[in-house]
Amino acid sequence: MHFFSKIVFGLMAVTAIAAPATSPSESKGELDAEKPFTFSKAAQGTYDLISSMTVDDDGDIHVADDGVARSYAANGTVIDYRKLSHGQLLAMTGTLPPRLQDKSDYFANVFAKVSGLDVDDEDQIWNPSGHFHGPSLPDAADHDADSSAGQSVNPHSKRQTFYPAFASPLYCVGQPCTTNTACAIMGCSVCVYLDQMKKKYCA
């Protein structure tokens, strides 16, 4: 019996030595690499508010530097809006999608003293001009090479009622887009862009 115990312990020792060691940092790095991008809880609450607006399938959502999120139709008219508080704006700029994270300081400065709750001018809300209006024409140079993944097959078609099996809000968040439909196809709700930045993303 004593001899048998020695054999068992010997085999356990050999197995432990032969097993490849995985450092905690390597394991954590692999797990982080597999995790999809997500907004913070506070930011997600703001995006949920934005997503509650009436939207045009072929339009998008613009958050202007007056703190008002406007839902635009494809023809450029405002069809709905939400006034965002200073805290909501900072929550959004605090967890930007990876492709915009290098602009975090820029957006923090833009919205540093801004609150949409201070906007009372109805004409400014429904007929924004100048810097309160988003870029009037898209510039292909401002879109990443991978932005085609977020484009609709037909940018003028209405939102599809059948979504692919792979559509998932877990993986569409922060992905580049051109219209609200492009995001809906991937499992998100709206296509958003901030200030004068032409890089839109799904939320």
Protein backbone atom coordinates (compact mmCIF):
# COMPACT_ATOMS: atom_id res chain seq x y z
CA MET A 1 0.00 0.00 0.00
CA HIS A 2 2.83 2.34 0.88
CA PHE A 3 4.54 1.50 -2.42
CA PHE A 4 1.30 2.18 -4.37
CA SER A 5 0.92 5.62 -2.71
CA LYS A 6 4.43 6.55 -3.80
CA ILE A 7 3.58 5.67 -7.40
CA VAL A 8 0.42 7.83 -7.33
CA PHE A 9 2.21 10.85 -5.86
CA GLY A 10 5.00 10.40 -8.37
CA LEU A 11 2.59 10.51 -11.29
CA MET A 12 0.91 13.63 -9.89
CA ALA A 13 4.26 15.38 -9.62
CA VAL A 14 5.22 14.51 -13.20
CA THR A 15 1.86 15.77 -14.48
CA ALA A 16 2.23 19.07 -12.62
CA ILE A 17 5.71 19.63 -14.05
CA ALA A 18 4.66 18.75 -17.60
CA ALA A 19 1.58 21.02 -17.60
CA PRO A 20 2.31 24.38 -19.31
CA ALA A 21 2.18 27.30 -16.95
CA THR A 22 -0.19 30.14 -17.86
CA SER A 23 0.54 33.43 -16.22
CA PRO A 24 -2.42 35.40 -14.78
CA SER A 25 -1.56 38.32 -17.04
CA GLU A 26 -1.70 36.14 -20.16
CA SER A 27 -5.08 34.70 -19.19
CA LYS A 28 -6.49 38.14 -18.45
CA GLY A 29 -5.16 39.50 -21.74
CA GLU A 30 -6.80 36.71 -23.71
CA LEU A 31 -10.12 37.23 -21.94
CA ASP A 32 -10.02 41.01 -22.47
CA ALA A 33 -9.27 40.50 -26.17
CA GLU A 34 -12.40 38.38 -26.52
CA LYS A 35 -14.70 40.80 -24.73
CA PRO A 36 -16.88 43.00 -26.98
CA PHE A 37 -16.85 46.75 -26.41
CA THR A 38 -19.56 47.98 -24.03
CA PHE A 39 -20.63 51.38 -22.77
CA SER A 40 -20.52 52.20 -19.08
CA LYS A 41 -23.80 51.80 -17.18
CA ALA A 42 -24.27 55.59 -17.07
CA ALA A 43 -23.52 55.95 -20.79
CA GLN A 44 -25.87 53.09 -21.67
CA GLY A 45 -28.66 54.88 -19.81
CA THR A 46 -28.06 57.93 -21.98
CA TYR A 47 -28.05 55.86 -25.18
CA ASP A 48 -31.29 54.20 -24.07
CA LEU A 49 -32.83 57.67 -23.79
CA ILE A 50 -31.53 58.58 -27.25
CA SER A 51 -32.84 55.32 -28.69
CA SER A 52 -36.34 56.16 -27.45
CA MET A 53 -36.62 58.91 -30.06
CA THR A 54 -38.60 58.61 -33.26
CA VAL A 55 -36.08 57.69 -35.95
CA ASP A 56 -35.94 57.51 -39.72
CA ASP A 57 -34.50 54.18 -40.86
CA ASP A 58 -32.28 55.98 -43.35
CA GLY A 59 -31.43 58.80 -40.96
CA ASP A 60 -29.15 59.09 -37.94
CA ILE A 61 -28.73 60.71 -34.52
CA HIS A 62 -26.55 63.76 -33.99
CA VAL A 63 -25.48 64.99 -30.55
CA ALA A 64 -24.62 68.65 -31.07
CA ASP A 65 -22.38 70.83 -28.95
CA ASP A 66 -25.46 72.54 -27.50
CA GLY A 67 -26.20 69.27 -25.68
CA VAL A 68 -29.25 68.35 -27.74
CA ALA A 69 -29.50 64.93 -29.40
CA ARG A 70 -31.45 65.29 -32.65
CA SER A 71 -32.96 62.54 -34.75
CA TYR A 72 -32.53 63.36 -38.43
CA ALA A 73 -34.53 62.06 -41.35
CA ALA A 74 -32.68 61.13 -44.53
CA ASN A 75 -33.63 64.51 -46.03
CA GLY A 76 -31.86 66.36 -43.20
CA THR A 77 -34.89 67.50 -41.19
CA VAL A 78 -35.14 67.07 -37.42
CA ILE A 79 -37.97 64.70 -36.47
CA ASP A 80 -37.34 64.31 -32.72
CA TYR A 81 -34.92 65.37 -30.01
CA ARG A 82 -33.76 64.81 -26.45
CA LYS A 83 -32.09 67.38 -24.21
CA LEU A 84 -29.09 65.79 -22.51
CA SER A 85 -27.81 66.96 -19.14
CA HIS A 86 -24.15 67.78 -18.54
CA GLY A 87 -23.74 64.50 -16.68
CA GLN A 88 -25.25 62.49 -19.53
CA LEU A 89 -22.94 64.14 -22.04
CA LEU A 90 -19.87 63.39 -19.93
CA ALA A 91 -21.03 59.78 -19.49
CA MET A 92 -21.14 59.42 -23.28
CA THR A 93 -17.73 60.96 -23.88
CA GLY A 94 -16.26 58.96 -21.00
CA THR A 95 -16.71 55.61 -22.78
CA LEU A 96 -16.23 56.23 -26.48
CA PRO A 97 -15.95 53.38 -29.00
CA PRO A 98 -12.33 52.28 -29.62
CA ARG A 99 -12.09 54.13 -32.95
CA LEU A 100 -12.93 57.42 -31.21
CA GLN A 101 -11.09 57.03 -27.92
CA ASP A 102 -8.21 59.17 -29.15
CA LYS A 103 -10.74 62.04 -29.30
CA SER A 104 -11.85 61.72 -25.66
CA ASP A 105 -10.01 64.88 -24.56
CA TYR A 106 -11.45 66.79 -27.50
CA PHE A 107 -15.03 65.82 -26.66
CA ALA A 108 -14.47 66.44 -22.95
CA ASN A 109 -13.47 69.99 -23.87
CA VAL A 110 -16.40 70.47 -26.28
CA PHE A 111 -18.99 69.47 -23.67
CA ALA A 112 -17.12 70.82 -20.61
CA LYS A 113 -19.71 73.50 -19.82
CA VAL A 114 -22.65 72.28 -21.88
CA SER A 115 -26.11 71.11 -20.86
CA GLY A 116 -28.94 70.54 -23.29
CA LEU A 117 -31.35 71.36 -20.48
CA ASP A 118 -30.37 75.01 -20.94
CA VAL A 119 -31.64 75.10 -24.53
CA ASP A 120 -35.07 76.77 -24.69
CA ASP A 121 -35.04 78.14 -28.24
CA GLU A 122 -37.50 76.00 -30.21
CA ASP A 123 -36.12 77.25 -33.52
CA GLN A 124 -32.61 76.21 -32.50
CA ILE A 125 -33.91 72.77 -31.58
CA TRP A 126 -35.90 72.09 -34.75
CA ASN A 127 -33.86 74.14 -37.22
CA PRO A 128 -30.26 74.03 -36.00
CA SER A 129 -27.71 75.95 -37.99
CA GLY A 130 -23.96 76.30 -38.06
CA HIS A 131 -22.08 74.14 -35.57
CA PHE A 132 -25.35 72.92 -34.00
CA HIS A 133 -26.04 71.03 -37.20
CA GLY A 134 -24.01 67.95 -38.07
CA PRO A 135 -21.79 67.76 -41.16
CA SER A 136 -24.10 68.25 -44.13
CA LEU A 137 -22.34 65.82 -46.44
CA PRO A 138 -20.47 62.62 -45.60
CA ASP A 139 -16.79 62.56 -46.42
CA ALA A 140 -15.46 59.16 -47.43
CA ALA A 141 -12.01 60.12 -46.17
CA ASP A 142 -13.40 60.38 -42.65
CA HIS A 143 -14.66 56.80 -42.66
CA ASP A 144 -12.37 53.95 -41.72
CA ALA A 145 -11.66 51.25 -44.27
CA ASP A 146 -13.74 48.83 -42.23
CA SER A 147 -16.83 51.04 -42.25
CA SER A 148 -18.32 48.94 -45.04
CA ALA A 149 -19.27 46.43 -42.37
CA GLY A 150 -21.81 48.91 -41.08
CA GLN A 151 -23.31 49.94 -44.40
CA SER A 152 -26.75 48.91 -45.59
CA VAL A 153 -26.93 46.92 -48.81
CA ASN A 154 -29.18 49.68 -50.10
CA PRO A 155 -28.74 52.91 -48.12
CA HIS A 156 -32.14 54.14 -49.32
CA SER A 157 -34.11 51.05 -48.33
CA LYS A 158 -36.32 50.91 -45.26
CA ARG A 159 -35.33 48.98 -42.16
CA GLN A 160 -35.42 45.24 -42.68
CA THR A 161 -37.84 43.21 -40.58
CA PHE A 162 -35.63 40.09 -40.66
CA TYR A 163 -32.28 40.34 -38.96
CA PRO A 164 -29.40 37.89 -39.49
CA ALA A 165 -28.90 35.22 -36.85
CA PHE A 166 -25.57 36.77 -35.88
CA ALA A 167 -27.12 40.15 -35.06
CA SER A 168 -26.36 40.90 -31.44
CA PRO A 169 -26.31 44.11 -29.40
CA LEU A 170 -23.27 42.68 -27.61
CA TYR A 171 -21.14 42.94 -30.72
CA CYS A 172 -22.68 45.80 -32.70
CA VAL A 173 -22.09 48.48 -30.03
CA GLY A 174 -19.50 50.96 -31.25
CA GLN A 175 -19.35 49.50 -34.76
CA PRO A 176 -19.11 51.99 -37.65
CA CYS A 177 -22.36 52.79 -39.44
CA THR A 178 -24.00 55.05 -41.99
CA THR A 179 -27.70 54.92 -41.04
CA ASN A 180 -30.00 53.68 -38.29
CA THR A 181 -30.87 50.70 -40.47
CA ALA A 182 -27.22 49.65 -40.64
CA CYS A 183 -27.22 49.36 -36.85
CA ALA A 184 -30.61 47.63 -36.67
CA ILE A 185 -29.36 44.94 -39.02
CA MET A 186 -26.49 44.26 -36.62
CA GLY A 187 -28.72 44.24 -33.54
CA CYS A 188 -28.43 47.81 -32.23
CA SER A 189 -30.93 50.68 -32.35
CA VAL A 190 -29.39 53.87 -33.69
CA CYS A 191 -26.44 55.33 -35.58
CA VAL A 192 -24.89 58.17 -33.58
CA TYR A 193 -22.25 60.83 -34.07
CA LEU A 194 -21.01 63.66 -31.87
CA ASP A 195 -20.31 67.33 -32.57
CA GLN A 196 -18.65 67.69 -36.01
CA MET A 197 -17.04 64.25 -35.97
CA LYS A 198 -18.18 62.36 -39.07
CA LYS A 199 -17.33 58.90 -37.71
CA LYS A 200 -20.69 57.43 -36.75
CA TYR A 201 -21.17 54.42 -34.50
CA CYS A 202 -23.93 52.06 -33.41
CA ALA A 203 -25.60 52.26 -30.01
